Amino acid sequence: MVCLWIADSGCSRHMTGNKSFLTNFVEKFCGTVKFGNDHIAPILGYGDIVRNGITIKRVAYVEGLRHNLFSVGQFCDNNLQVLFRRYDCKVQMEEGVDILTGTRDDNLFTIDLNSLSSSSNICLLSKATSQQSWLWHRRLSHLNFQTINALIDQQLVEGIPDFKYEDDHVCPACAIGKMNVTSVKNATFDL
């Protein structure tokens, strides 16, 4: 099965009209998408694309979409670089490691997932910024990050952006809350 994707700088999220490409599919109405021709289509769920050691998380299933679209913005939000050149395009990690490569045909940059080499496992996972992580840590009553990530993975809470949350320093309020202080015994003095 051909798995050809278009790298689209105007696309708000990764999306496909072929539900069979998606693993871990979650059937859920997630709003609508408006196309350039003013056509509106429903987003009926999301899943993951897994091909040759690469996993792309939370790809939207849009009913009636005839092309598979990779969102350049969503790649950039995940701290990846998207480079366009005259005849090709690349999605790279910040260190310059190529993750996906594509070619330019008829003024479209396309990526063929079937032609990828499976040299290493890569997961294009949305990672929250430090500011986002600490914001949700505080909003959820200083819940630990492992539990926040578990809530998202199991889809137990609505409204939290689907990112991987990590701590990069110690929360002062949590540190104070975990302190143990021994009580001071009352002393009596005879005068």
Protein backbone atom coordinates (compact mmCIF):
# COMPACT_ATOMS: atom_id res chain seq x y z
CA MET A 1 0.00 0.00 0.00
CA VAL A 2 1.42 3.38 -1.00
CA CYS A 3 1.88 5.67 1.98
CA LEU A 4 2.62 9.03 0.35
CA TRP A 5 2.38 12.19 2.47
CA ILE A 6 2.50 15.87 1.52
CA ALA A 7 4.52 18.27 3.70
CA ASP A 8 2.07 21.16 4.06
CA SER A 9 3.01 24.45 5.71
CA GLY A 10 -0.63 25.57 5.81
CA CYS A 11 -1.93 22.45 7.54
CA SER A 12 -2.70 22.84 11.25
CA ARG A 13 -2.11 19.17 12.17
CA HIS A 14 -1.09 15.85 10.62
CA MET A 15 -4.15 14.30 8.97
CA THR A 16 -5.25 11.49 6.71
CA GLY A 17 -8.44 10.28 5.09
CA ASN A 18 -7.34 6.64 5.30
CA LYS A 19 -8.18 5.15 8.70
CA SER A 20 -6.30 1.94 7.86
CA PHE A 21 -2.97 3.83 8.18
CA LEU A 22 -3.66 4.52 11.86
CA THR A 23 -2.84 2.30 14.81
CA ASN A 24 -4.15 2.88 18.34
CA PHE A 25 -7.11 4.63 16.74
CA VAL A 26 -9.40 6.58 19.07
CA GLU A 27 -12.83 7.25 17.62
CA LYS A 28 -13.81 10.69 18.86
CA PHE A 29 -15.30 13.78 17.23
CA CYS A 30 -12.52 16.38 17.44
CA GLY A 31 -14.08 19.26 15.52
CA THR A 32 -13.88 20.14 11.86
CA VAL A 33 -11.31 21.16 9.27
CA LYS A 34 -11.86 23.87 6.67
CA PHE A 35 -10.04 23.44 3.38
CA GLY A 36 -8.89 26.08 0.90
CA ASN A 37 -12.01 25.57 -1.23
CA ASP A 38 -14.22 26.35 1.83
CA HIS A 39 -15.20 22.68 2.15
CA ILE A 40 -15.62 21.59 5.78
CA ALA A 41 -14.96 18.02 6.91
CA PRO A 42 -15.28 16.37 10.34
CA ILE A 43 -12.30 15.05 12.32
CA LEU A 44 -13.60 11.68 13.52
CA GLY A 45 -10.67 10.54 15.62
CA TYR A 46 -6.93 10.16 15.72
CA GLY A 47 -4.24 7.50 15.85
CA ASP A 48 -0.57 6.86 15.28
CA ILE A 49 1.33 6.19 12.07
CA VAL A 50 3.94 3.45 12.55
CA ARG A 51 6.27 2.72 9.63
CA ASN A 52 9.80 1.27 9.60
CA GLY A 53 10.69 2.21 13.16
CA ILE A 54 9.12 5.70 13.02
CA THR A 55 6.02 6.59 15.03
CA ILE A 56 4.09 9.77 14.35
CA LYS A 57 1.61 10.42 17.16
CA ARG A 58 -1.91 11.88 17.04
CA VAL A 59 -2.59 11.92 13.32
CA ALA A 60 -6.16 13.10 12.74
CA TYR A 61 -8.60 11.04 10.70
CA VAL A 62 -10.59 13.42 8.48
CA GLU A 63 -13.50 11.87 6.67
CA GLY A 64 -13.30 12.44 2.92
CA LEU A 65 -9.72 13.74 2.85
CA ARG A 66 -8.08 12.47 -0.35
CA HIS A 67 -4.47 13.26 0.55
CA ASN A 68 -2.27 12.52 3.54
CA LEU A 69 -0.88 15.73 5.06
CA PHE A 70 2.05 16.31 7.38
CA SER A 71 1.82 19.61 9.23
CA VAL A 72 5.08 21.56 9.07
CA GLY A 73 3.88 23.57 12.07
CA GLN A 74 3.25 20.45 14.15
CA PHE A 75 6.76 19.17 13.36
CA CYS A 76 8.22 22.54 14.42
CA ASP A 77 6.13 22.52 17.63
CA ASN A 78 7.83 19.21 18.46
CA ASN A 79 11.30 20.82 18.27
CA LEU A 80 11.99 19.41 14.81
CA GLN A 81 13.30 21.31 11.80
CA VAL A 82 11.70 21.13 8.37
CA LEU A 83 14.08 22.09 5.58
CA PHE A 84 12.89 22.77 2.05
CA ARG A 85 15.36 22.85 -0.82
CA ARG A 86 14.95 22.99 -4.57
CA TYR A 87 14.35 19.27 -5.13
CA ASP A 88 13.79 17.80 -1.69
CA CYS A 89 12.71 18.37 1.89
CA LYS A 90 13.88 16.96 5.22
CA VAL A 91 12.49 16.69 8.71
CA GLN A 92 15.38 16.75 11.17
CA MET A 93 16.04 16.74 14.86
CA GLU A 94 17.74 19.86 16.22
CA GLU A 95 21.05 17.98 16.14
CA GLY A 96 20.72 17.66 12.34
CA VAL A 97 19.75 13.97 12.27
CA ASP A 98 17.39 13.26 9.37
CA ILE A 99 14.13 11.62 10.37
CA LEU A 100 12.10 11.93 7.17
CA THR A 101 13.12 12.91 3.65
CA GLY A 102 10.94 13.73 0.70
CA THR A 103 11.10 14.86 -2.90
CA ARG A 104 9.56 17.71 -4.85
CA ASP A 105 7.15 16.67 -7.60
CA ASP A 106 4.78 19.08 -9.37
CA ASN A 107 5.50 21.78 -6.75
CA LEU A 108 4.50 19.44 -3.91
CA PHE A 109 6.96 18.12 -1.35
CA THR A 110 6.03 14.48 -0.78
CA ILE A 111 7.35 11.94 1.71
CA ASP A 112 7.01 8.23 0.98
CA LEU A 113 6.87 6.39 4.30
CA ASN A 114 7.29 3.01 2.59
CA SER A 115 10.76 3.94 1.35
CA LEU A 116 12.12 4.76 4.81
CA SER A 117 15.04 2.83 6.18
CA SER A 118 14.47 1.29 9.59
CA SER A 119 17.85 2.21 11.08
CA SER A 120 16.50 3.22 14.48
CA ASN A 121 13.26 3.68 16.33
CA ILE A 122 12.12 7.30 16.39
CA CYS A 123 8.96 8.59 17.95
CA LEU A 124 7.70 12.00 16.89
CA LEU A 125 6.11 12.71 20.22
CA SER A 126 4.78 16.07 21.23
CA LYS A 127 6.86 17.30 24.14
CA ALA A 128 5.59 20.15 26.27
CA THR A 129 7.73 23.18 26.93
CA SER A 130 8.99 23.70 30.46
CA GLN A 131 6.44 26.49 30.96
CA GLN A 132 3.54 24.27 29.80
CA SER A 133 4.70 21.40 32.03
CA TRP A 134 4.82 23.52 35.17
CA LEU A 135 1.54 25.23 34.35
CA TRP A 136 -0.29 21.87 34.25
CA HIS A 137 1.61 20.66 37.32
CA ARG A 138 0.18 23.63 39.26
CA ARG A 139 -3.30 23.40 37.70
CA LEU A 140 -3.55 19.75 38.72
CA SER A 141 -2.73 20.48 42.38
CA HIS A 142 0.98 19.71 42.07
CA LEU A 143 0.39 16.24 40.62
CA ASN A 144 3.61 14.44 39.70
CA PHE A 145 4.58 14.33 36.03
CA GLN A 146 4.44 10.54 35.72
CA THR A 147 0.77 10.61 36.78
CA ILE A 148 -0.02 13.56 34.48
CA ASN A 149 1.42 11.59 31.53
CA ALA A 150 -0.54 8.48 32.56
CA LEU A 151 -3.80 10.49 32.68
CA ILE A 152 -3.16 11.70 29.13
CA ASP A 153 -2.12 8.28 27.80
CA GLN A 154 -5.25 6.67 29.23
CA GLN A 155 -7.43 9.63 28.13
CA LEU A 156 -8.87 10.07 31.62
CA VAL A 157 -8.94 13.88 31.58
CA GLU A 158 -10.23 16.16 28.84
CA GLY A 159 -8.71 19.53 28.08
CA ILE A 160 -5.05 18.79 28.77
CA PRO A 161 -2.97 19.15 25.61
CA ASP A 162 -1.59 15.78 24.50
CA PHE A 163 2.10 16.34 25.22
CA LYS A 164 4.76 14.53 27.17
CA TYR A 165 5.28 16.50 30.37
CA GLU A 166 8.67 16.51 32.11
CA ASP A 167 10.11 18.29 35.10
CA ASP A 168 13.36 20.18 34.67
CA HIS A 169 13.75 21.42 38.25
CA VAL A 170 12.29 20.85 41.72
CA CYS A 171 8.98 22.50 42.51
CA PRO A 172 9.53 24.64 45.64
CA ALA A 173 5.95 24.12 46.89
CA CYS A 174 6.24 20.34 46.50
CA ALA A 175 9.61 20.32 48.27
CA ILE A 176 8.16 22.22 51.25
CA GLY A 177 5.14 19.92 51.34
CA LYS A 178 7.38 16.85 51.57
CA MET A 179 9.51 18.17 54.43
CA ASN A 180 9.29 16.33 57.73
CA VAL A 181 9.82 18.34 60.90
CA THR A 182 10.07 16.66 64.25
CA SER A 183 8.03 18.27 66.96
CA VAL A 184 9.74 20.04 69.80
CA LYS A 185 8.94 18.61 73.22
CA ASN A 186 7.72 21.02 75.86
CA ALA A 187 10.32 21.65 78.46
CA THR A 188 9.50 22.63 82.03
CA PHE A 189 11.97 24.50 84.16
CA ASP A 190 12.06 24.70 87.92
CA LEU A 191 13.09 28.11 89.18
